[in-house]
């Protein structure tokens, strides 16, 4: 991806949630298929999660849905990846997704997800998120975050699966 200057602010979609768990549990929920299948529509992730390594998301049917490269990895606090949709025959520029995990109180973590596109470009997911935001509707990224929150909290043992689902 090209580097962006301050004068060329990238279109950004920022989502944040608070999760009763550990940073390590959130990291595992982002990087291990045992967790992603619980909140990302049955999809699995594949990478060694080191900077420069490729990563991909495969649908429950085994099709490659998203591809990219690990740009930064600082377990368990920060993961930055390029993100390119691979399904549907859409040819779009890659975007960048940043996951930031930070303490927000005793036993609580704040997960911030930032999805950026290069100035002058767009992606189908960014277009959908922008349109849904305009309509003030709940969008799929928030659904994914809610499911990740539930899976991570339950895995940490902070709450039962039923309690996590209610978070």
Foldseek 3Di string as FASTA:
>chain_A
DDDDDPVFDWDKDKDKDKAQFDLQLLQCLVQALVNCCQQVVHWGKDWPQQAQIKMFIAHNVRHTAWIWGFHDDDPSAKTKIWIDGDPDPDDFDTWMWMWGWDDDDVSMIMIMIMITDGRPGDDPVRVVVVVCVVVVHDDSVVSSVLSSSLSSNCVRVVDPSVVSNVD
